[in-house]
Amino acid sequence: MTLEVSTRPALPAIVRFGGALVLLAGAPDRYWSALRESMRCDGAEFVSVGSGRGAIELLRRSSFDLVVLGERLPDVSSMTVLSEARRLGNVPVIVITGGDPAILDRGFNLGADDVVTGDIAPADLASRVAILLRRARPGEEAHHIGEPYGLVMKRAAHEVTIQGAALNLTATEFSVLRLLLDHRSEVLSADTISRQVWHYETYGSPNFVQAQISRLRAKLDRAGASGLIATIRGAGYVIR
């Protein structure tokens, strides 16, 4: 497939070295250089692309551990790239937005693992990247829930099955489900889930937590585990 960006050279072949491979999609700016510098000691490798079509092409032919996606791309929208990333697999995606609440909500509804505004400090962005990358290294514990759900979570394998069938979850969906299972029978508020999974408060706007719970429930419903996550109005969420 040929990229439709005639003003840029052909994309180089991508080679994975020892560390995580991170795709930075959007016009190069202070974030990219600061992010690279912050993550250098962790051995992460970075690939930058300046267009949405270029990002989609790379996602189709290479395996990334994480994507940082700028909102303003010169050809296709960041939401188009996000949708394609979700269609292709479960690579964690951070979307940088201009702060429009509608874009924030839409990003989470389309499956972004994190959505941040453009004024975030580069060091804070690097911390968000590190948090998502660490989710790929779960512990050894396993969770089991018997009938009627037949759920088994294997942390080390990052695997969830329902009645023996694999449940395909994003890194964030896995983290939310793991948190609820770790605190089984405890009602967890949106703020608690936000602090534990994303490491920040909802500050009265829990929409992104609701979006992740909704997507997770939809997958559980399709797998035959409808009703596993209960909502306690005004309090939060719980697995009994």
C-alpha atoms as a PDB file:
ATOM      1  CA  MET A   1       0.000   0.000   0.000  1.00  0.00           C
ATOM      2  CA  THR A   2       1.365   3.451  -0.943  1.00  0.00           C
ATOM      3  CA  LEU A   3       1.048   6.402   1.398  1.00  0.00           C
ATOM      4  CA  GLU A   4      -0.916   9.335   0.021  1.00  0.00           C
ATOM      5  CA  VAL A   5       1.553  11.930   1.318  1.00  0.00           C
ATOM      6  CA  SER A   6       3.697  12.989  -1.595  1.00  0.00           C
ATOM      7  CA  THR A   7       5.679  15.651   0.276  1.00  0.00           C
ATOM      8  CA  ARG A   8       7.301  13.170   2.679  1.00  0.00           C
ATOM      9  CA  PRO A   9       9.908  10.470   2.009  1.00  0.00           C
ATOM     10  CA  ALA A  10       9.009   6.800   2.101  1.00  0.00           C
ATOM     11  CA  LEU A  11       8.540   5.396   5.581  1.00  0.00           C
ATOM     12  CA  PRO A  12      11.535   3.475   6.915  1.00  0.00           C
ATOM     13  CA  ALA A  13      11.314  -0.147   7.935  1.00  0.00           C
ATOM     14  CA  ILE A  14      10.507  -0.489  11.621  1.00  0.00           C
ATOM     15  CA  VAL A  15      12.774  -2.669  13.730  1.00  0.00           C
ATOM     16  CA  ARG A  16      11.989  -3.487  17.357  1.00  0.00           C
ATOM     17  CA  PHE A  17      15.059  -3.333  19.582  1.00  0.00           C
ATOM     18  CA  GLY A  18      15.050  -4.200  23.287  1.00  0.00           C
ATOM     19  CA  GLY A  19      12.460  -1.750  24.661  1.00  0.00           C
ATOM     20  CA  ALA A  20       8.883  -0.767  23.983  1.00  0.00           C
ATOM     21  CA  LEU A  21       8.027   0.644  20.568  1.00  0.00           C
ATOM     22  CA  VAL A  22       5.971   3.862  20.718  1.00  0.00           C
ATOM     23  CA  LEU A  23       4.327   5.614  17.763  1.00  0.00           C
ATOM     24  CA  LEU A  24       4.102   9.420  17.970  1.00  0.00           C
ATOM     25  CA  ALA A  25       1.522  10.668  15.464  1.00  0.00           C
ATOM     26  CA  GLY A  26       1.238  14.382  14.745  1.00  0.00           C
ATOM     27  CA  ALA A  27       3.410  17.373  13.929  1.00  0.00           C
ATOM     28  CA  PRO A  28       6.740  17.175  15.820  1.00  0.00           C
ATOM     29  CA  ASP A  29       6.835  19.611  18.748  1.00  0.00           C
ATOM     30  CA  ARG A  30       8.136  19.968  22.276  1.00  0.00           C
ATOM     31  CA  TYR A  31       6.233  16.905  23.433  1.00  0.00           C
ATOM     32  CA  TRP A  32       8.055  14.513  21.185  1.00  0.00           C
ATOM     33  CA  SER A  33      11.579  15.618  22.113  1.00  0.00           C
ATOM     34  CA  ALA A  34      10.758  15.874  25.832  1.00  0.00           C
ATOM     35  CA  LEU A  35       8.989  12.517  25.797  1.00  0.00           C
ATOM     36  CA  ARG A  36      11.939  10.840  24.125  1.00  0.00           C
ATOM     37  CA  GLU A  37      14.315  12.344  26.655  1.00  0.00           C
ATOM     38  CA  SER A  38      12.157  11.327  29.626  1.00  0.00           C
ATOM     39  CA  MET A  39      11.800   7.729  28.429  1.00  0.00           C
ATOM     40  CA  ARG A  40      15.337   7.241  27.114  1.00  0.00           C
ATOM     41  CA  CYS A  41      16.567   5.557  30.300  1.00  0.00           C
ATOM     42  CA  ASP A  42      13.764   2.986  30.061  1.00  0.00           C
ATOM     43  CA  GLY A  43      14.963   1.808  26.673  1.00  0.00           C
ATOM     44  CA  ALA A  44      11.795   2.836  24.797  1.00  0.00           C
ATOM     45  CA  GLU A  45      12.076   3.306  21.026  1.00  0.00           C
ATOM     46  CA  PHE A  46      10.086   5.996  19.216  1.00  0.00           C
ATOM     47  CA  VAL A  47       8.789   6.384  15.669  1.00  0.00           C
ATOM     48  CA  SER A  48       7.310   9.739  14.582  1.00  0.00           C
ATOM     49  CA  VAL A  49       4.904  10.352  11.722  1.00  0.00           C
ATOM     50  CA  GLY A  50       3.352  13.676  10.746  1.00  0.00           C
ATOM     51  CA  SER A  51       0.086  12.551   9.169  1.00  0.00           C
ATOM     52  CA  GLY A  52      -2.958  10.473  10.002  1.00  0.00           C
ATOM     53  CA  ARG A  53      -2.620   8.300   6.911  1.00  0.00           C
ATOM     54  CA  GLY A  54       1.016   7.681   7.777  1.00  0.00           C
ATOM     55  CA  ALA A  55       0.014   6.623  11.281  1.00  0.00           C
ATOM     56  CA  ILE A  56      -2.614   4.224   9.937  1.00  0.00           C
ATOM     57  CA  GLU A  57      -0.111   2.743   7.494  1.00  0.00           C
ATOM     58  CA  LEU A  58       2.405   2.139  10.279  1.00  0.00           C
ATOM     59  CA  LEU A  59      -0.242   0.605  12.526  1.00  0.00           C
ATOM     60  CA  ARG A  60      -1.221  -1.780   9.729  1.00  0.00           C
ATOM     61  CA  ARG A  61       2.289  -3.064   9.096  1.00  0.00           C
ATOM     62  CA  SER A  62       4.067  -2.764  12.466  1.00  0.00           C
ATOM     63  CA  SER A  63       3.411  -3.855  16.048  1.00  0.00           C
ATOM     64  CA  PHE A  64       3.516  -0.971  18.528  1.00  0.00           C
ATOM     65  CA  ASP A  65       3.302  -1.078  22.302  1.00  0.00           C
ATOM     66  CA  LEU A  66       1.653   2.356  22.538  1.00  0.00           C
ATOM     67  CA  VAL A  67       0.445   5.254  20.372  1.00  0.00           C
ATOM     68  CA  VAL A  68       0.473   8.951  21.304  1.00  0.00           C
ATOM     69  CA  LEU A  69      -1.951  10.658  18.935  1.00  0.00           C
ATOM     70  CA  GLY A  70      -2.118  14.415  18.399  1.00  0.00           C
ATOM     71  CA  GLU A  71      -5.568  15.895  17.751  1.00  0.00           C
ATOM     72  CA  ARG A  72      -4.667  18.066  14.773  1.00  0.00           C
ATOM     73  CA  LEU A  73      -3.456  16.032  11.821  1.00  0.00           C
ATOM     74  CA  PRO A  74      -3.095  17.501   8.317  1.00  0.00           C
ATOM     75  CA  ASP A  75      -5.162  14.902   6.444  1.00  0.00           C
ATOM     76  CA  VAL A  76      -7.534  12.695   8.452  1.00  0.00           C
ATOM     77  CA  SER A  77      -8.893  13.289  11.947  1.00  0.00           C
ATOM     78  CA  SER A  78      -7.285  11.822  15.042  1.00  0.00           C
ATOM     79  CA  MET A  79     -10.589  10.057  15.756  1.00  0.00           C
ATOM     80  CA  THR A  80     -10.292   8.268  12.390  1.00  0.00           C
ATOM     81  CA  VAL A  81      -6.815   7.068  13.355  1.00  0.00           C
ATOM     82  CA  LEU A  82      -8.091   6.003  16.784  1.00  0.00           C
ATOM     83  CA  SER A  83     -10.967   4.043  15.229  1.00  0.00           C
ATOM     84  CA  GLU A  84      -8.551   2.265  12.888  1.00  0.00           C
ATOM     85  CA  ALA A  85      -6.201   1.470  15.785  1.00  0.00           C
ATOM     86  CA  ARG A  86      -9.107  -0.127  17.635  1.00  0.00           C
ATOM     87  CA  ARG A  87     -10.170  -2.059  14.539  1.00  0.00           C
ATOM     88  CA  LEU A  88      -6.648  -3.435  14.146  1.00  0.00           C
ATOM     89  CA  GLY A  89      -6.115  -4.443  17.775  1.00  0.00           C
ATOM     90  CA  ASN A  90      -5.751  -3.329  21.364  1.00  0.00           C
ATOM     91  CA  VAL A  91      -2.620  -1.188  21.306  1.00  0.00           C
ATOM     92  CA  PRO A  92      -2.909   1.444  24.093  1.00  0.00           C
ATOM     93  CA  VAL A  93      -3.644   4.927  22.707  1.00  0.00           C
ATOM     94  CA  ILE A  94      -3.198   8.345  24.345  1.00  0.00           C
ATOM     95  CA  VAL A  95      -4.972  11.191  22.530  1.00  0.00           C
ATOM     96  CA  ILE A  96      -3.809  14.802  22.953  1.00  0.00           C
ATOM     97  CA  THR A  97      -6.696  17.239  22.455  1.00  0.00           C
ATOM     98  CA  GLY A  98      -7.204  20.982  22.458  1.00  0.00           C
ATOM     99  CA  GLY A  99      -9.486  20.670  25.492  1.00  0.00           C
ATOM    100  CA  ASP A 100     -12.868  20.430  23.736  1.00  0.00           C
ATOM    101  CA  PRO A 101     -15.084  18.365  26.112  1.00  0.00           C
ATOM    102  CA  ALA A 102     -16.832  16.769  23.137  1.00  0.00           C
ATOM    103  CA  ILE A 103     -13.496  15.503  21.800  1.00  0.00           C
ATOM    104  CA  LEU A 104     -12.511  14.276  25.263  1.00  0.00           C
ATOM    105  CA  ASP A 105     -15.715  12.257  25.553  1.00  0.00           C
ATOM    106  CA  ARG A 106     -15.566  10.991  21.977  1.00  0.00           C
ATOM    107  CA  GLY A 107     -11.980   9.837  22.426  1.00  0.00           C
ATOM    108  CA  PHE A 108     -12.918   7.691  25.423  1.00  0.00           C
ATOM    109  CA  ASN A 109     -16.078   6.435  23.713  1.00  0.00           C
ATOM    110  CA  LEU A 110     -13.976   5.274  20.752  1.00  0.00           C
ATOM    111  CA  GLY A 111     -11.647   3.379  23.069  1.00  0.00           C
ATOM    112  CA  ALA A 112      -8.760   5.717  23.907  1.00  0.00           C
ATOM    113  CA  ASP A 113      -6.889   4.542  26.982  1.00  0.00           C
ATOM    114  CA  ASP A 114      -6.194   8.132  28.025  1.00  0.00           C
ATOM    115  CA  VAL A 115      -7.135  11.590  26.727  1.00  0.00           C
ATOM    116  CA  VAL A 116      -5.099  14.647  27.754  1.00  0.00           C
ATOM    117  CA  THR A 117      -5.195  18.328  26.845  1.00  0.00           C
ATOM    118  CA  GLY A 118      -2.469  20.024  24.847  1.00  0.00           C
ATOM    119  CA  ASP A 119      -1.232  22.046  27.812  1.00  0.00           C
ATOM    120  CA  ILE A 120      -0.086  18.961  29.720  1.00  0.00           C
ATOM    121  CA  ALA A 121       3.542  19.184  30.807  1.00  0.00           C
ATOM    122  CA  PRO A 122       5.845  16.883  28.794  1.00  0.00           C
ATOM    123  CA  ALA A 123       7.004  15.195  32.018  1.00  0.00           C
ATOM    124  CA  ASP A 124       3.386  14.449  32.930  1.00  0.00           C
ATOM    125  CA  LEU A 125       2.784  13.023  29.467  1.00  0.00           C
ATOM    126  CA  ALA A 126       5.845  10.809  29.912  1.00  0.00           C
ATOM    127  CA  SER A 127       4.351   9.562  33.197  1.00  0.00           C
ATOM    128  CA  ARG A 128       1.082   8.695  31.429  1.00  0.00           C
ATOM    129  CA  VAL A 129       3.057   6.791  28.791  1.00  0.00           C
ATOM    130  CA  ALA A 130       4.977   4.891  31.475  1.00  0.00           C
ATOM    131  CA  ILE A 131       1.746   3.960  33.280  1.00  0.00           C
ATOM    132  CA  LEU A 132       0.231   2.453  30.145  1.00  0.00           C
ATOM    133  CA  LEU A 133       3.421   0.609  29.239  1.00  0.00           C
ATOM    134  CA  ARG A 134       3.603  -0.931  32.725  1.00  0.00           C
ATOM    135  CA  ARG A 135       0.119  -2.377  32.239  1.00  0.00           C
ATOM    136  CA  ALA A 136       1.628  -4.809  29.749  1.00  0.00           C
ATOM    137  CA  ARG A 137       3.525  -6.430  32.654  1.00  0.00           C
ATOM    138  CA  PRO A 138       0.811  -7.707  35.003  1.00  0.00           C
ATOM    139  CA  GLY A 139       1.506  -9.774  38.115  1.00  0.00           C
ATOM    140  CA  GLU A 140       1.079 -13.507  38.508  1.00  0.00           C
ATOM    141  CA  GLU A 141      -2.256 -13.586  40.348  1.00  0.00           C
ATOM    142  CA  ALA A 142      -5.406 -15.023  38.811  1.00  0.00           C
ATOM    143  CA  HIS A 143      -9.082 -14.332  39.459  1.00  0.00           C
ATOM    144  CA  HIS A 144     -11.918 -16.840  39.141  1.00  0.00           C
ATOM    145  CA  ILE A 145     -15.673 -16.233  39.174  1.00  0.00           C
ATOM    146  CA  GLY A 146     -17.879 -19.280  38.799  1.00  0.00           C
ATOM    147  CA  GLU A 147     -21.380 -19.664  37.406  1.00  0.00           C
ATOM    148  CA  PRO A 148     -23.149 -18.061  35.744  1.00  0.00           C
ATOM    149  CA  TYR A 149     -20.136 -16.129  34.385  1.00  0.00           C
ATOM    150  CA  GLY A 150     -17.288 -18.639  34.238  1.00  0.00           C
ATOM    151  CA  LEU A 151     -14.702 -15.859  34.278  1.00  0.00           C
ATOM    152  CA  VAL A 152     -10.974 -16.487  34.640  1.00  0.00           C
ATOM    153  CA  MET A 153      -8.383 -13.682  34.613  1.00  0.00           C
ATOM    154  CA  LYS A 154      -4.699 -14.622  34.284  1.00  0.00           C
ATOM    155  CA  ARG A 155      -2.628 -11.548  35.009  1.00  0.00           C
ATOM    156  CA  ALA A 156       0.737 -12.836  33.819  1.00  0.00           C
ATOM    157  CA  ALA A 157      -0.738 -13.812  30.462  1.00  0.00           C
ATOM    158  CA  HIS A 158      -2.904 -10.660  30.338  1.00  0.00           C
ATOM    159  CA  GLU A 159      -5.755 -13.019  29.506  1.00  0.00           C
ATOM    160  CA  VAL A 160      -9.447 -13.125  30.380  1.00  0.00           C
ATOM    161  CA  THR A 161     -11.777 -15.940  29.414  1.00  0.00           C
ATOM    162  CA  ILE A 162     -15.542 -16.313  29.771  1.00  0.00           C
ATOM    163  CA  GLN A 163     -16.750 -19.921  29.790  1.00  0.00           C
ATOM    164  CA  GLY A 164     -13.402 -20.851  28.244  1.00  0.00           C
ATOM    165  CA  ALA A 165     -13.614 -18.333  25.370  1.00  0.00           C
ATOM    166  CA  ALA A 166     -11.029 -15.542  25.198  1.00  0.00           C
ATOM    167  CA  LEU A 167     -12.270 -12.006  25.906  1.00  0.00           C
ATOM    168  CA  ASN A 168     -10.455  -9.417  23.792  1.00  0.00           C
ATOM    169  CA  LEU A 169      -9.755  -6.394  26.025  1.00  0.00           C
ATOM    170  CA  THR A 170      -7.673  -3.265  25.639  1.00  0.00           C
ATOM    171  CA  ALA A 171      -4.963  -2.596  28.247  1.00  0.00           C
ATOM    172  CA  THR A 172      -7.206  -0.092  30.020  1.00  0.00           C
ATOM    173  CA  GLU A 173     -10.288  -2.332  29.953  1.00  0.00           C
ATOM    174  CA  PHE A 174      -8.144  -5.098  31.445  1.00  0.00           C
ATOM    175  CA  SER A 175      -6.918  -2.720  34.178  1.00  0.00           C
ATOM    176  CA  VAL A 176     -10.455  -1.582  35.055  1.00  0.00           C
ATOM    177  CA  LEU A 177     -11.704  -5.174  35.240  1.00  0.00           C
ATOM    178  CA  ARG A 178      -8.675  -6.218  37.304  1.00  0.00           C
ATOM    179  CA  LEU A 179      -9.258  -3.352  39.752  1.00  0.00           C
ATOM    180  CA  LEU A 180     -12.904  -4.319  40.244  1.00  0.00           C
ATOM    181  CA  LEU A 181     -11.901  -7.956  40.727  1.00  0.00           C
ATOM    182  CA  ASP A 182      -9.125  -7.005  43.160  1.00  0.00           C
ATOM    183  CA  HIS A 183     -11.772  -5.178  45.230  1.00  0.00           C
ATOM    184  CA  ARG A 184     -14.585  -7.634  44.689  1.00  0.00           C
ATOM    185  CA  SER A 185     -17.728  -6.758  46.679  1.00  0.00           C
ATOM    186  CA  GLU A 186     -16.399  -3.227  47.305  1.00  0.00           C
ATOM    187  CA  VAL A 187     -18.193  -0.347  45.582  1.00  0.00           C
ATOM    188  CA  LEU A 188     -15.583   1.776  43.810  1.00  0.00           C
ATOM    189  CA  SER A 189     -16.408   5.373  42.884  1.00  0.00           C
ATOM    190  CA  ALA A 190     -15.482   6.897  39.525  1.00  0.00           C
ATOM    191  CA  ASP A 191     -12.806   8.956  41.302  1.00  0.00           C
ATOM    192  CA  THR A 192     -11.315   5.856  42.905  1.00  0.00           C
ATOM    193  CA  ILE A 193     -11.205   4.036  39.569  1.00  0.00           C
ATOM    194  CA  SER A 194      -9.688   7.123  37.924  1.00  0.00           C
ATOM    195  CA  ARG A 195      -6.957   7.431  40.561  1.00  0.00           C
ATOM    196  CA  GLN A 196      -6.097   3.735  40.450  1.00  0.00           C
ATOM    197  CA  VAL A 197      -6.176   3.257  36.673  1.00  0.00           C
ATOM    198  CA  TRP A 198      -5.252   6.671  35.271  1.00  0.00           C
ATOM    199  CA  HIS A 199      -3.621   8.123  38.409  1.00  0.00           C
ATOM    200  CA  TYR A 200      -5.670  11.316  38.468  1.00  0.00           C
ATOM    201  CA  GLU A 201      -9.031  12.575  39.777  1.00  0.00           C
ATOM    202  CA  THR A 202     -12.158  12.970  37.654  1.00  0.00           C
ATOM    203  CA  TYR A 203     -12.725  16.426  39.180  1.00  0.00           C
ATOM    204  CA  GLY A 204     -16.493  16.052  38.871  1.00  0.00           C
ATOM    205  CA  SER A 205     -16.404  14.803  35.266  1.00  0.00           C
ATOM    206  CA  PRO A 206     -16.476  10.988  35.408  1.00  0.00           C
ATOM    207  CA  ASN A 207     -17.516  10.597  31.760  1.00  0.00           C
ATOM    208  CA  PHE A 208     -14.279   8.908  30.736  1.00  0.00           C
ATOM    209  CA  VAL A 209     -14.701   6.283  33.490  1.00  0.00           C
ATOM    210  CA  GLN A 210     -18.302   5.725  32.398  1.00  0.00           C
ATOM    211  CA  ALA A 211     -17.141   5.312  28.798  1.00  0.00           C
ATOM    212  CA  GLN A 212     -14.597   2.643  29.730  1.00  0.00           C
ATOM    213  CA  ILE A 213     -17.096   0.789  31.930  1.00  0.00           C
ATOM    214  CA  SER A 214     -19.652   0.928  29.108  1.00  0.00           C
ATOM    215  CA  ARG A 215     -17.210  -0.534  26.564  1.00  0.00           C
ATOM    216  CA  LEU A 216     -16.117  -3.222  29.027  1.00  0.00           C
ATOM    217  CA  ARG A 217     -19.727  -4.143  29.813  1.00  0.00           C
ATOM    218  CA  ALA A 218     -20.563  -4.403  26.118  1.00  0.00           C
ATOM    219  CA  LYS A 219     -17.758  -6.920  25.621  1.00  0.00           C
ATOM    220  CA  LEU A 220     -18.791  -8.866  28.707  1.00  0.00           C
ATOM    221  CA  ASP A 221     -22.415  -8.876  27.517  1.00  0.00           C
ATOM    222  CA  ARG A 222     -21.449 -10.254  24.103  1.00  0.00           C
ATOM    223  CA  ALA A 223     -19.366 -12.950  25.805  1.00  0.00           C
ATOM    224  CA  GLY A 224     -22.286 -14.058  27.976  1.00  0.00           C
ATOM    225  CA  ALA A 225     -21.319 -12.310  31.232  1.00  0.00           C
ATOM    226  CA  SER A 226     -24.087  -9.729  31.282  1.00  0.00           C
ATOM    227  CA  GLY A 227     -24.597  -8.152  34.681  1.00  0.00           C
ATOM    228  CA  LEU A 228     -21.119  -8.911  36.014  1.00  0.00           C
ATOM    229  CA  ILE A 229     -20.440  -5.222  36.772  1.00  0.00           C
ATOM    230  CA  ALA A 230     -23.195  -3.559  38.771  1.00  0.00           C
ATOM    231  CA  THR A 231     -23.777   0.197  39.052  1.00  0.00           C
ATOM    232  CA  ILE A 232     -24.699   1.534  42.470  1.00  0.00           C
ATOM    233  CA  ARG A 233     -26.395   4.839  41.718  1.00  0.00           C
ATOM    234  CA  GLY A 234     -24.557   7.735  43.277  1.00  0.00           C
ATOM    235  CA  ALA A 235     -21.784   5.488  44.614  1.00  0.00           C
ATOM    236  CA  GLY A 236     -19.936   3.692  41.841  1.00  0.00           C
ATOM    237  CA  TYR A 237     -19.334   0.223  40.425  1.00  0.00           C
ATOM    238  CA  VAL A 238     -18.936  -3.246  41.906  1.00  0.00           C
ATOM    239  CA  ILE A 239     -18.477  -6.912  41.070  1.00  0.00           C
ATOM    240  CA  ARG A 240     -20.261  -9.061  43.653  1.00  0.00           C
END
